[in-house]
């Protein structure tokens, strides 16, 4: 396999890793709740992806800040910036794969799973 072939495989594996981490569906924050409304905080347990720690930190800041406070607005702004940054990275990876593999259905390629056997 040529160097370019190895590069394509590495880019694909990296993109797959990033995309699978981003594809999890999680409600990141609720703009209507606050720490003083008596709601229980979600227990994330011992297993948290290291890449999700900044998101969980910002979510906790939002939940603990009073509704309408500057701290809450700043945390929400930071969270949205982080989410948009991650979306941009995902779009760039998909575009790199699309150009390097010369396929238009890269998203299907990333989300598909192999059959057993």
PDB file of N, CA and C in Angstrom:
ATOM      1  N   UNK A   1       0.853  -1.175   0.000  1.00  0.00           N
ATOM      2  CA  UNK A   1       0.000   0.000   0.000  1.00  0.00           C
ATOM      3  C   UNK A   1       0.898   1.237   0.000  1.00  0.00           C
ATOM      4  N   UNK A   2       0.558   2.199  -0.809  1.00  0.00           N
ATOM      5  CA  UNK A   2       1.357   3.415  -0.937  1.00  0.00           C
ATOM      6  C   UNK A   2       1.162   4.322   0.275  1.00  0.00           C
ATOM      7  N   UNK A   3       2.009   5.322   0.346  1.00  0.00           N
ATOM      8  CA  UNK A   3       1.900   6.303   1.426  1.00  0.00           C
ATOM      9  C   UNK A   3       0.539   6.975   1.402  1.00  0.00           C
ATOM     10  N   UNK A   4       0.077   7.328   0.208  1.00  0.00           N
ATOM     11  CA  UNK A   4      -1.224   7.978   0.080  1.00  0.00           C
ATOM     12  C   UNK A   4      -2.344   7.055   0.546  1.00  0.00           C
ATOM     13  N   UNK A   5      -2.212   5.762   0.265  1.00  0.00           N
ATOM     14  CA  UNK A   5      -3.202   4.794   0.738  1.00  0.00           C
ATOM     15  C   UNK A   5      -3.236   4.721   2.252  1.00  0.00           C
ATOM     16  N   UNK A   6      -2.057   4.704   2.866  1.00  0.00           N
ATOM     17  CA  UNK A   6      -1.982   4.700   4.330  1.00  0.00           C
ATOM     18  C   UNK A   6      -2.576   5.982   4.907  1.00  0.00           C
ATOM     19  N   UNK A   7      -2.299   7.094   4.253  1.00  0.00           N
ATOM     20  CA  UNK A   7      -2.837   8.370   4.711  1.00  0.00           C
ATOM     21  C   UNK A   7      -4.358   8.366   4.661  1.00  0.00           C
ATOM     22  N   UNK A   8      -4.930   7.823   3.595  1.00  0.00           N
ATOM     23  CA  UNK A   8      -6.391   7.740   3.486  1.00  0.00           C
ATOM     24  C   UNK A   8      -6.974   6.902   4.618  1.00  0.00           C
ATOM     25  N   UNK A   9      -6.335   5.791   4.921  1.00  0.00           N
ATOM     26  CA  UNK A   9      -6.821   4.922   5.994  1.00  0.00           C
ATOM     27  C   UNK A   9      -6.747   5.647   7.338  1.00  0.00           C
ATOM     28  N   UNK A  10      -5.638   6.327   7.599  1.00  0.00           N
ATOM     29  CA  UNK A  10      -5.492   7.054   8.863  1.00  0.00           C
ATOM     30  C   UNK A  10      -6.513   8.179   8.982  1.00  0.00           C
ATOM     31  N   UNK A  11      -6.723   8.921   7.909  1.00  0.00           N
ATOM     32  CA  UNK A  11      -7.714   9.997   7.936  1.00  0.00           C
ATOM     33  C   UNK A  11      -9.097   9.420   8.179  1.00  0.00           C
ATOM     34  N   UNK A  12      -9.401   8.306   7.524  1.00  0.00           N
ATOM     35  CA  UNK A  12     -10.706   7.679   7.706  1.00  0.00           C
ATOM     36  C   UNK A  12     -10.908   7.232   9.149  1.00  0.00           C
ATOM     37  N   UNK A  13      -9.909   6.573   9.727  1.00  0.00           N
ATOM     38  CA  UNK A  13     -10.036   6.096  11.104  1.00  0.00           C
ATOM     39  C   UNK A  13     -10.165   7.260  12.084  1.00  0.00           C
ATOM     40  N   UNK A  14      -9.405   8.322  11.868  1.00  0.00           N
ATOM     41  CA  UNK A  14      -9.499   9.497  12.729  1.00  0.00           C
ATOM     42  C   UNK A  14     -10.881  10.127  12.618  1.00  0.00           C
ATOM     43  N   UNK A  15     -11.371  10.236  11.391  1.00  0.00           N
ATOM     44  CA  UNK A  15     -12.699  10.814  11.179  1.00  0.00           C
ATOM     45  C   UNK A  15     -13.772   9.951  11.824  1.00  0.00           C
ATOM     46  N   UNK A  16     -13.644   8.654  11.702  1.00  0.00           N
ATOM     47  CA  UNK A  16     -14.608   7.746  12.309  1.00  0.00           C
ATOM     48  C   UNK A  16     -14.618   7.906  13.824  1.00  0.00           C
ATOM     49  N   UNK A  17     -13.452   8.023  14.412  1.00  0.00           N
ATOM     50  CA  UNK A  17     -13.349   8.221  15.856  1.00  0.00           C
ATOM     51  C   UNK A  17     -14.011   9.530  16.279  1.00  0.00           C
ATOM     52  N   UNK A  18     -13.712  10.616  15.576  1.00  0.00           N
ATOM     53  CA  UNK A  18     -14.309  11.907  15.917  1.00  0.00           C
ATOM     54  C   UNK A  18     -15.810  11.899  15.709  1.00  0.00           C
ATOM     55  N   UNK A  19     -16.245  11.338  14.592  1.00  0.00           N
ATOM     56  CA  UNK A  19     -17.664  11.368  14.284  1.00  0.00           C
ATOM     57  C   UNK A  19     -18.461  10.518  15.262  1.00  0.00           C
ATOM     58  N   UNK A  20     -17.926   9.359  15.639  1.00  0.00           N
ATOM     59  CA  UNK A  20     -18.668   8.504  16.570  1.00  0.00           C
ATOM     60  C   UNK A  20     -18.794   9.174  17.937  1.00  0.00           C
ATOM     61  N   UNK A  21     -17.785   9.927  18.337  1.00  0.00           N
ATOM     62  CA  UNK A  21     -17.864  10.639  19.614  1.00  0.00           C
ATOM     63  C   UNK A  21     -18.889  11.765  19.546  1.00  0.00           C
ATOM     64  N   UNK A  22     -19.028  12.386  18.390  1.00  0.00           N
ATOM     65  CA  UNK A  22     -19.960  13.499  18.238  1.00  0.00           C
ATOM     66  C   UNK A  22     -21.386  13.056  17.986  1.00  0.00           C
ATOM     67  N   UNK A  23     -21.576  11.830  17.530  1.00  0.00           N
ATOM     68  CA  UNK A  23     -22.912  11.416  17.104  1.00  0.00           C
ATOM     69  C   UNK A  23     -23.820  11.016  18.262  1.00  0.00           C
ATOM     70  N   UNK A  24     -23.259  10.982  19.481  1.00  0.00           N
ATOM     71  CA  UNK A  24     -24.111  10.660  20.618  1.00  0.00           C
ATOM     72  C   UNK A  24     -25.127  11.757  20.833  1.00  0.00           C
ATOM     73  N   UNK A  25     -26.359  11.363  21.084  1.00  0.00           N
ATOM     74  CA  UNK A  25     -27.424  12.345  21.303  1.00  0.00           C
ATOM     75  C   UNK A  25     -27.529  12.619  22.800  1.00  0.00           C
ATOM     76  N   UNK A  26     -27.217  13.860  23.193  1.00  0.00           N
ATOM     77  CA  UNK A  26     -27.275  14.251  24.598  1.00  0.00           C
ATOM     78  C   UNK A  26     -27.904  15.622  24.700  1.00  0.00           C
ATOM     79  N   UNK A  27     -28.834  15.777  25.611  1.00  0.00           N
ATOM     80  CA  UNK A  27     -29.377  17.106  25.864  1.00  0.00           C
ATOM     81  C   UNK A  27     -28.364  17.840  26.732  1.00  0.00           C
ATOM     82  N   UNK A  28     -27.803  18.907  26.202  1.00  0.00           N
ATOM     83  CA  UNK A  28     -26.688  19.555  26.871  1.00  0.00           C
ATOM     84  C   UNK A  28     -27.112  20.563  27.921  1.00  0.00           C
ATOM     85  N   UNK A  29     -28.207  21.257  27.693  1.00  0.00           N
ATOM     86  CA  UNK A  29     -28.665  22.175  28.724  1.00  0.00           C
ATOM     87  C   UNK A  29     -30.113  22.534  28.486  1.00  0.00           C
ATOM     88  N   UNK A  30     -30.734  22.973  29.553  1.00  0.00           N
ATOM     89  CA  UNK A  30     -32.127  23.394  29.510  1.00  0.00           C
ATOM     90  C   UNK A  30     -32.161  24.843  29.961  1.00  0.00           C
ATOM     91  N   UNK A  31     -32.606  25.735  29.091  1.00  0.00           N
ATOM     92  CA  UNK A  31     -32.570  27.161  29.418  1.00  0.00           C
ATOM     93  C   UNK A  31     -33.618  27.550  30.441  1.00  0.00           C
ATOM     94  N   UNK A  32     -34.583  26.698  30.716  1.00  0.00           N
ATOM     95  CA  UNK A  32     -35.663  27.040  31.641  1.00  0.00           C
ATOM     96  C   UNK A  32     -35.415  26.565  33.066  1.00  0.00           C
ATOM     97  N   UNK A  33     -34.460  25.672  33.287  1.00  0.00           N
ATOM     98  CA  UNK A  33     -34.245  25.144  34.633  1.00  0.00           C
ATOM     99  C   UNK A  33     -33.141  25.922  35.331  1.00  0.00           C
ATOM    100  N   UNK A  34     -33.120  25.821  36.641  1.00  0.00           N
ATOM    101  CA  UNK A  34     -32.045  26.433  37.417  1.00  0.00           C
ATOM    102  C   UNK A  34     -31.730  25.533  38.597  1.00  0.00           C
ATOM    103  N   UNK A  35     -30.644  25.845  39.276  1.00  0.00           N
ATOM    104  CA  UNK A  35     -30.221  25.012  40.397  1.00  0.00           C
ATOM    105  C   UNK A  35     -31.193  25.099  41.558  1.00  0.00           C
ATOM    106  N   UNK A  36     -31.924  26.190  41.662  1.00  0.00           N
ATOM    107  CA  UNK A  36     -32.792  26.362  42.821  1.00  0.00           C
ATOM    108  C   UNK A  36     -34.217  25.861  42.586  1.00  0.00           C
ATOM    109  N   UNK A  37     -34.480  25.168  41.480  1.00  0.00           N
ATOM    110  CA  UNK A  37     -35.839  24.685  41.239  1.00  0.00           C
ATOM    111  C   UNK A  37     -36.086  23.290  41.817  1.00  0.00           C
ATOM    112  N   UNK A  38     -35.115  22.752  42.545  1.00  0.00           N
ATOM    113  CA  UNK A  38     -35.296  21.463  43.197  1.00  0.00           C
ATOM    114  C   UNK A  38     -35.035  20.273  42.297  1.00  0.00           C
ATOM    115  N   UNK A  39     -34.608  20.497  41.070  1.00  0.00           N
ATOM    116  CA  UNK A  39     -34.352  19.389  40.146  1.00  0.00           C
ATOM    117  C   UNK A  39     -33.085  18.653  40.567  1.00  0.00           C
ATOM    118  N   UNK A  40     -33.135  17.349  40.425  1.00  0.00           N
ATOM    119  CA  UNK A  40     -31.964  16.538  40.722  1.00  0.00           C
ATOM    120  C   UNK A  40     -30.964  16.665  39.581  1.00  0.00           C
ATOM    121  N   UNK A  41     -29.698  16.758  39.927  1.00  0.00           N
ATOM    122  CA  UNK A  41     -28.669  16.793  38.898  1.00  0.00           C
ATOM    123  C   UNK A  41     -28.447  15.386  38.378  1.00  0.00           C
ATOM    124  N   UNK A  42     -28.199  15.313  37.087  1.00  0.00           N
ATOM    125  CA  UNK A  42     -27.992  14.016  36.456  1.00  0.00           C
ATOM    126  C   UNK A  42     -26.679  13.413  36.934  1.00  0.00           C
ATOM    127  N   UNK A  43     -26.697  12.128  37.228  1.00  0.00           N
ATOM    128  CA  UNK A  43     -25.502  11.425  37.650  1.00  0.00           C
ATOM    129  C   UNK A  43     -24.874  10.781  36.426  1.00  0.00           C
ATOM    130  N   UNK A  44     -23.660  11.185  36.097  1.00  0.00           N
ATOM    131  CA  UNK A  44     -22.997  10.668  34.908  1.00  0.00           C
ATOM    132  C   UNK A  44     -22.209   9.399  35.196  1.00  0.00           C
ATOM    133  N   UNK A  45     -22.054   9.047  36.444  1.00  0.00           N
ATOM    134  CA  UNK A  45     -21.352   7.825  36.797  1.00  0.00           C
ATOM    135  C   UNK A  45     -19.855   7.954  36.582  1.00  0.00           C
ATOM    136  N   UNK A  46     -19.196   6.827  36.564  1.00  0.00           N
ATOM    137  CA  UNK A  46     -17.747   6.804  36.419  1.00  0.00           C
ATOM    138  C   UNK A  46     -17.298   6.867  34.968  1.00  0.00           C
ATOM    139  N   UNK A  47     -18.174   6.564  34.031  1.00  0.00           N
ATOM    140  CA  UNK A  47     -17.771   6.446  32.635  1.00  0.00           C
ATOM    141  C   UNK A  47     -18.204   7.670  31.843  1.00  0.00           C
ATOM    142  N   UNK A  48     -17.278   8.608  31.706  1.00  0.00           N
ATOM    143  CA  UNK A  48     -17.517   9.800  30.906  1.00  0.00           C
ATOM    144  C   UNK A  48     -16.369   9.902  29.917  1.00  0.00           C
ATOM    145  N   UNK A  49     -16.704  10.059  28.648  1.00  0.00           N
ATOM    146  CA  UNK A  49     -15.694  10.229  27.621  1.00  0.00           C
ATOM    147  C   UNK A  49     -14.911  11.504  27.924  1.00  0.00           C
ATOM    148  N   UNK A  50     -13.594  11.431  27.872  1.00  0.00           N
ATOM    149  CA  UNK A  50     -12.760  12.585  28.202  1.00  0.00           C
ATOM    150  C   UNK A  50     -13.084  13.786  27.321  1.00  0.00           C
ATOM    151  N   UNK A  51     -13.515  13.537  26.116  1.00  0.00           N
ATOM    152  CA  UNK A  51     -13.856  14.631  25.203  1.00  0.00           C
ATOM    153  C   UNK A  51     -15.137  15.351  25.636  1.00  0.00           C
ATOM    154  N   UNK A  52     -15.973  14.693  26.430  1.00  0.00           N
ATOM    155  CA  UNK A  52     -17.233  15.291  26.870  1.00  0.00           C
ATOM    156  C   UNK A  52     -17.107  16.084  28.165  1.00  0.00           C
ATOM    157  N   UNK A  53     -15.978  16.010  28.831  1.00  0.00           N
ATOM    158  CA  UNK A  53     -15.812  16.681  30.118  1.00  0.00           C
ATOM    159  C   UNK A  53     -16.033  18.192  30.020  1.00  0.00           C
ATOM    160  N   UNK A  54     -15.480  18.881  29.017  1.00  0.00           N
ATOM    161  CA  UNK A  54     -15.768  20.329  28.935  1.00  0.00           C
ATOM    162  C   UNK A  54     -17.254  20.630  28.769  1.00  0.00           C
ATOM    163  N   UNK A  55     -17.962  19.795  28.021  1.00  0.00           N
ATOM    164  CA  UNK A  55     -19.402  20.002  27.843  1.00  0.00           C
ATOM    165  C   UNK A  55     -20.149  19.798  29.157  1.00  0.00           C
ATOM    166  N   UNK A  56     -19.782  18.771  29.895  1.00  0.00           N
ATOM    167  CA  UNK A  56     -20.438  18.508  31.174  1.00  0.00           C
ATOM    168  C   UNK A  56     -20.128  19.609  32.189  1.00  0.00           C
ATOM    169  N   UNK A  57     -18.908  20.114  32.151  1.00  0.00           N
ATOM    170  CA  UNK A  57     -18.531  21.217  33.039  1.00  0.00           C
ATOM    171  C   UNK A  57     -19.392  22.446  32.752  1.00  0.00           C
ATOM    172  N   UNK A  58     -19.534  22.787  31.473  1.00  0.00           N
ATOM    173  CA  UNK A  58     -20.350  23.949  31.110  1.00  0.00           C
ATOM    174  C   UNK A  58     -21.819  23.717  31.435  1.00  0.00           C
ATOM    175  N   UNK A  59     -22.289  22.493  31.240  1.00  0.00           N
ATOM    176  CA  UNK A  59     -23.677  22.173  31.585  1.00  0.00           C
ATOM    177  C   UNK A  59     -23.910  22.368  33.081  1.00  0.00           C
ATOM    178  N   UNK A  60     -22.964  21.930  33.903  1.00  0.00           N
ATOM    179  CA  UNK A  60     -23.084  22.084  35.353  1.00  0.00           C
ATOM    180  C   UNK A  60     -23.081  23.561  35.744  1.00  0.00           C
ATOM    181  N   UNK A  61     -22.224  24.350  35.083  1.00  0.00           N
ATOM    182  CA  UNK A  61     -22.209  25.792  35.356  1.00  0.00           C
ATOM    183  C   UNK A  61     -23.559  26.416  35.031  1.00  0.00           C
ATOM    184  N   UNK A  62     -24.160  25.986  33.935  1.00  0.00           N
ATOM    185  CA  UNK A  62     -25.467  26.517  33.540  1.00  0.00           C
ATOM    186  C   UNK A  62     -26.522  26.126  34.565  1.00  0.00           C
ATOM    187  N   UNK A  63     -26.522  24.869  34.990  1.00  0.00           N
ATOM    188  CA  UNK A  63     -27.519  24.389  35.945  1.00  0.00           C
ATOM    189  C   UNK A  63     -27.384  25.077  37.299  1.00  0.00           C
ATOM    190  N   UNK A  64     -26.159  25.407  37.696  1.00  0.00           N
ATOM    191  CA  UNK A  64     -25.933  26.004  39.014  1.00  0.00           C
ATOM    192  C   UNK A  64     -26.143  27.515  39.044  1.00  0.00           C
ATOM    193  N   UNK A  65     -26.149  28.152  37.891  1.00  0.00           N
ATOM    194  CA  UNK A  65     -26.319  29.607  37.848  1.00  0.00           C
ATOM    195  C   UNK A  65     -27.802  29.964  37.852  1.00  0.00           C
ATOM    196  N   UNK A  66     -28.161  31.062  38.512  1.00  0.00           N
ATOM    197  CA  UNK A  66     -29.563  31.497  38.507  1.00  0.00           C
ATOM    198  C   UNK A  66     -30.015  31.867  37.088  1.00  0.00           C
ATOM    199  N   UNK A  67     -31.303  31.653  36.819  1.00  0.00           N
ATOM    200  CA  UNK A  67     -31.867  31.959  35.506  1.00  0.00           C
ATOM    201  C   UNK A  67     -31.700  33.446  35.220  1.00  0.00           C
ATOM    202  N   UNK A  68     -31.199  33.760  34.027  1.00  0.00           N
ATOM    203  CA  UNK A  68     -31.040  35.146  33.611  1.00  0.00           C
ATOM    204  C   UNK A  68     -29.777  35.829  34.101  1.00  0.00           C
ATOM    205  N   UNK A  69     -28.960  35.139  34.888  1.00  0.00           N
ATOM    206  CA  UNK A  69     -27.744  35.758  35.419  1.00  0.00           C
ATOM    207  C   UNK A  69     -26.670  35.845  34.331  1.00  0.00           C
ATOM    208  N   UNK A  70     -25.739  36.797  34.475  1.00  0.00           N
ATOM    209  CA  UNK A  70     -24.641  36.897  33.505  1.00  0.00           C
ATOM    210  C   UNK A  70     -23.774  35.635  33.463  1.00  0.00           C
ATOM    211  N   UNK A  71     -23.617  34.961  34.617  1.00  0.00           N
ATOM    212  CA  UNK A  71     -22.824  33.732  34.654  1.00  0.00           C
ATOM    213  C   UNK A  71     -23.473  32.646  33.795  1.00  0.00           C
ATOM    214  N   UNK A  72     -24.779  32.538  33.892  1.00  0.00           N
ATOM    215  CA  UNK A  72     -25.502  31.528  33.116  1.00  0.00           C
ATOM    216  C   UNK A  72     -25.425  31.850  31.623  1.00  0.00           C
ATOM    217  N   UNK A  73     -25.603  33.121  31.284  1.00  0.00           N
ATOM    218  CA  UNK A  73     -25.535  33.519  29.882  1.00  0.00           C
ATOM    219  C   UNK A  73     -24.145  33.282  29.309  1.00  0.00           C
ATOM    220  N   UNK A  74     -23.112  33.571  30.090  1.00  0.00           N
ATOM    221  CA  UNK A  74     -21.738  33.344  29.641  1.00  0.00           C
ATOM    222  C   UNK A  74     -21.468  31.853  29.448  1.00  0.00           C
ATOM    223  N   UNK A  75     -21.933  31.024  30.378  1.00  0.00           N
ATOM    224  CA  UNK A  75     -21.741  29.575  30.257  1.00  0.00           C
ATOM    225  C   UNK A  75     -22.492  29.034  29.041  1.00  0.00           C
ATOM    226  N   UNK A  76     -23.709  29.525  28.794  1.00  0.00           N
ATOM    227  CA  UNK A  76     -24.465  29.091  27.617  1.00  0.00           C
ATOM    228  C   UNK A  76     -23.751  29.509  26.336  1.00  0.00           C
ATOM    229  N   UNK A  77     -23.212  30.720  26.332  1.00  0.00           N
ATOM    230  CA  UNK A  77     -22.464  31.203  25.168  1.00  0.00           C
ATOM    231  C   UNK A  77     -21.244  30.319  24.922  1.00  0.00           C
ATOM    232  N   UNK A  78     -20.501  30.009  25.991  1.00  0.00           N
ATOM    233  CA  UNK A  78     -19.318  29.152  25.862  1.00  0.00           C
ATOM    234  C   UNK A  78     -19.687  27.754  25.382  1.00  0.00           C
ATOM    235  N   UNK A  79     -20.802  27.229  25.875  1.00  0.00           N
ATOM    236  CA  UNK A  79     -21.246  25.903  25.458  1.00  0.00           C
ATOM    237  C   UNK A  79     -21.613  25.898  23.978  1.00  0.00           C
ATOM    238  N   UNK A  80     -22.345  26.906  23.541  1.00  0.00           N
ATOM    239  CA  UNK A  80     -22.712  26.985  22.127  1.00  0.00           C
ATOM    240  C   UNK A  80     -21.482  27.149  21.238  1.00  0.00           C
ATOM    241  N   UNK A  81     -20.496  27.907  21.697  1.00  0.00           N
ATOM    242  CA  UNK A  81     -19.250  28.052  20.943  1.00  0.00           C
ATOM    243  C   UNK A  81     -18.525  26.711  20.824  1.00  0.00           C
ATOM    244  N   UNK A  82     -18.489  25.953  21.910  1.00  0.00           N
ATOM    245  CA  UNK A  82     -17.842  24.635  21.892  1.00  0.00           C
ATOM    246  C   UNK A  82     -18.570  23.687  20.947  1.00  0.00           C
ATOM    247  N   UNK A  83     -19.888  23.688  20.995  1.00  0.00           N
ATOM    248  CA  UNK A  83     -20.679  22.823  20.113  1.00  0.00           C
ATOM    249  C   UNK A  83     -20.447  23.208  18.656  1.00  0.00           C
ATOM    250  N   UNK A  84     -20.477  24.509  18.355  1.00  0.00           N
ATOM    251  CA  UNK A  84     -20.251  24.965  16.984  1.00  0.00           C
ATOM    252  C   UNK A  84     -18.848  24.626  16.501  1.00  0.00           C
ATOM    253  N   UNK A  85     -17.865  24.732  17.394  1.00  0.00           N
ATOM    254  CA  UNK A  85     -16.494  24.361  17.042  1.00  0.00           C
ATOM    255  C   UNK A  85     -16.411  22.877  16.682  1.00  0.00           C
ATOM    256  N   UNK A  86     -17.068  22.039  17.464  1.00  0.00           N
ATOM    257  CA  UNK A  86     -17.059  20.600  17.187  1.00  0.00           C
ATOM    258  C   UNK A  86     -17.785  20.273  15.889  1.00  0.00           C
ATOM    259  N   UNK A  87     -18.896  20.972  15.619  1.00  0.00           N
ATOM    260  CA  UNK A  87     -19.608  20.762  14.357  1.00  0.00           C
ATOM    261  C   UNK A  87     -18.725  21.137  13.173  1.00  0.00           C
ATOM    262  N   UNK A  88     -17.977  22.225  13.321  1.00  0.00           N
ATOM    263  CA  UNK A  88     -17.087  22.660  12.250  1.00  0.00           C
ATOM    264  C   UNK A  88     -16.000  21.615  11.999  1.00  0.00           C
ATOM    265  N   UNK A  89     -15.454  21.051  13.068  1.00  0.00           N
ATOM    266  CA  UNK A  89     -14.455  19.992  12.926  1.00  0.00           C
ATOM    267  C   UNK A  89     -15.063  18.797  12.204  1.00  0.00           C
ATOM    268  N   UNK A  90     -16.265  18.400  12.596  1.00  0.00           N
ATOM    269  CA  UNK A  90     -16.934  17.274  11.936  1.00  0.00           C
ATOM    270  C   UNK A  90     -17.134  17.548  10.452  1.00  0.00           C
ATOM    271  N   UNK A  91     -17.578  18.758  10.124  1.00  0.00           N
ATOM    272  CA  UNK A  91     -17.791  19.105   8.718  1.00  0.00           C
ATOM    273  C   UNK A  91     -16.479  19.076   7.945  1.00  0.00           C
ATOM    274  N   UNK A  92     -15.398  19.543   8.560  1.00  0.00           N
ATOM    275  CA  UNK A  92     -14.091  19.511   7.902  1.00  0.00           C
ATOM    276  C   UNK A  92     -13.623  18.084   7.663  1.00  0.00           C
ATOM    277  N   UNK A  93     -13.812  17.215   8.650  1.00  0.00           N
ATOM    278  CA  UNK A  93     -13.415  15.815   8.494  1.00  0.00           C
ATOM    279  C   UNK A  93     -14.213  15.159   7.379  1.00  0.00           C
ATOM    280  N   UNK A  94     -15.510  15.413   7.346  1.00  0.00           N
ATOM    281  CA  UNK A  94     -16.356  14.839   6.293  1.00  0.00           C
ATOM    282  C   UNK A  94     -15.908  15.345   4.929  1.00  0.00           C
ATOM    283  N   UNK A  95     -15.572  16.622   4.836  1.00  0.00           N
ATOM    284  CA  UNK A  95     -15.115  17.181   3.558  1.00  0.00           C
ATOM    285  C   UNK A  95     -13.773  16.580   3.145  1.00  0.00           C
ATOM    286  N   UNK A  96     -12.856  16.407   4.094  1.00  0.00           N
ATOM    287  CA  UNK A  96     -11.567  15.771   3.793  1.00  0.00           C
ATOM    288  C   UNK A  96     -11.785  14.357   3.278  1.00  0.00           C
ATOM    289  N   UNK A  97     -12.649  13.610   3.945  1.00  0.00           N
ATOM    290  CA  UNK A  97     -12.931  12.246   3.491  1.00  0.00           C
ATOM    291  C   UNK A  97     -13.587  12.244   2.118  1.00  0.00           C
ATOM    292  N   UNK A  98     -14.517  13.156   1.913  1.00  0.00           N
ATOM    293  CA  UNK A  98     -15.210  13.217   0.624  1.00  0.00           C
ATOM    294  C   UNK A  98     -14.213  13.473  -0.505  1.00  0.00           C
ATOM    295  N   UNK A  99     -13.273  14.386  -0.270  1.00  0.00           N
ATOM    296  CA  UNK A  99     -12.292  14.707  -1.301  1.00  0.00           C
ATOM    297  C   UNK A  99     -11.251  13.605  -1.474  1.00  0.00           C
ATOM    298  N   UNK A 100     -10.810  13.011  -0.368  1.00  0.00           N
ATOM    299  CA  UNK A 100      -9.755  12.002  -0.471  1.00  0.00           C
ATOM    300  C   UNK A 100     -10.275  10.660  -0.968  1.00  0.00           C
ATOM    301  N   UNK A 101     -11.498  10.296  -0.610  1.00  0.00           N
ATOM    302  CA  UNK A 101     -12.063   9.022  -1.058  1.00  0.00           C
ATOM    303  C   UNK A 101     -12.875   9.167  -2.337  1.00  0.00           C
ATOM    304  N   UNK A 102     -13.097  10.399  -2.766  1.00  0.00           N
ATOM    305  CA  UNK A 102     -13.857  10.696  -3.980  1.00  0.00           C
ATOM    306  C   UNK A 102     -15.240  10.063  -3.944  1.00  0.00           C
ATOM    307  N   UNK A 103     -15.875  10.177  -2.785  1.00  0.00           N
ATOM    308  CA  UNK A 103     -17.236   9.673  -2.612  1.00  0.00           C
ATOM    309  C   UNK A 103     -18.101  10.803  -2.081  1.00  0.00           C
ATOM    310  N   UNK A 104     -19.377  10.771  -2.441  1.00  0.00           N
ATOM    311  CA  UNK A 104     -20.291  11.805  -1.952  1.00  0.00           C
ATOM    312  C   UNK A 104     -21.062  11.349  -0.723  1.00  0.00           C
ATOM    313  N   UNK A 105     -21.117  10.049  -0.480  1.00  0.00           N
ATOM    314  CA  UNK A 105     -21.896   9.507   0.641  1.00  0.00           C
ATOM    315  C   UNK A 105     -21.012   9.174   1.842  1.00  0.00           C
ATOM    316  N   UNK A 106     -20.095  10.072   2.173  1.00  0.00           N
ATOM    317  CA  UNK A 106     -19.150   9.844   3.269  1.00  0.00           C
ATOM    318  C   UNK A 106     -19.873   9.711   4.598  1.00  0.00           C
ATOM    319  N   UNK A 107     -20.928  10.483   4.805  1.00  0.00           N
ATOM    320  CA  UNK A 107     -21.674  10.408   6.059  1.00  0.00           C
ATOM    321  C   UNK A 107     -22.253   9.014   6.252  1.00  0.00           C
ATOM    322  N   UNK A 108     -22.783   8.416   5.189  1.00  0.00           N
ATOM    323  CA  UNK A 108     -23.281   7.041   5.269  1.00  0.00           C
ATOM    324  C   UNK A 108     -22.149   6.075   5.583  1.00  0.00           C
ATOM    325  N   UNK A 109     -20.983   6.322   5.012  1.00  0.00           N
ATOM    326  CA  UNK A 109     -19.822   5.473   5.252  1.00  0.00           C
ATOM    327  C   UNK A 109     -19.403   5.528   6.718  1.00  0.00           C
ATOM    328  N   UNK A 110     -19.458   6.717   7.319  1.00  0.00           N
ATOM    329  CA  UNK A 110     -19.058   6.868   8.716  1.00  0.00           C
ATOM    330  C   UNK A 110     -20.055   6.252   9.685  1.00  0.00           C
ATOM    331  N   UNK A 111     -21.327   6.294   9.348  1.00  0.00           N
ATOM    332  CA  UNK A 111     -22.344   5.813  10.282  1.00  0.00           C
ATOM    333  C   UNK A 111     -22.734   4.361  10.059  1.00  0.00           C
ATOM    334  N   UNK A 112     -22.317   3.773   8.951  1.00  0.00           N
ATOM    335  CA  UNK A 112     -22.699   2.385   8.682  1.00  0.00           C
ATOM    336  C   UNK A 112     -21.872   1.435   9.542  1.00  0.00           C
ATOM    337  N   UNK A 113     -22.444   0.279   9.805  1.00  0.00           N
ATOM    338  CA  UNK A 113     -21.736  -0.755  10.556  1.00  0.00           C
ATOM    339  C   UNK A 113     -21.638  -2.002   9.701  1.00  0.00           C
ATOM    340  N   UNK A 114     -20.596  -2.757   9.938  1.00  0.00           N
ATOM    341  CA  UNK A 114     -20.411  -3.993   9.186  1.00  0.00           C
ATOM    342  C   UNK A 114     -21.315  -5.071   9.752  1.00  0.00           C
ATOM    343  N   UNK A 115     -21.760  -5.950   8.870  1.00  0.00           N
ATOM    344  CA  UNK A 115     -22.552  -7.088   9.323  1.00  0.00           C
ATOM    345  C   UNK A 115     -21.627  -8.107   9.962  1.00  0.00           C
ATOM    346  N   UNK A 116     -22.175  -8.906  10.864  1.00  0.00           N
ATOM    347  CA  UNK A 116     -21.362  -9.918  11.529  1.00  0.00           C
ATOM    348  C   UNK A 116     -21.063 -11.048  10.564  1.00  0.00           C
ATOM    349  N   UNK A 117     -19.901 -11.649  10.757  1.00  0.00           N
ATOM    350  CA  UNK A 117     -19.567 -12.821   9.954  1.00  0.00           C
ATOM    351  C   UNK A 117     -18.422 -12.671   9.079  1.00  0.00           C
TER     352      UNK A 117
END
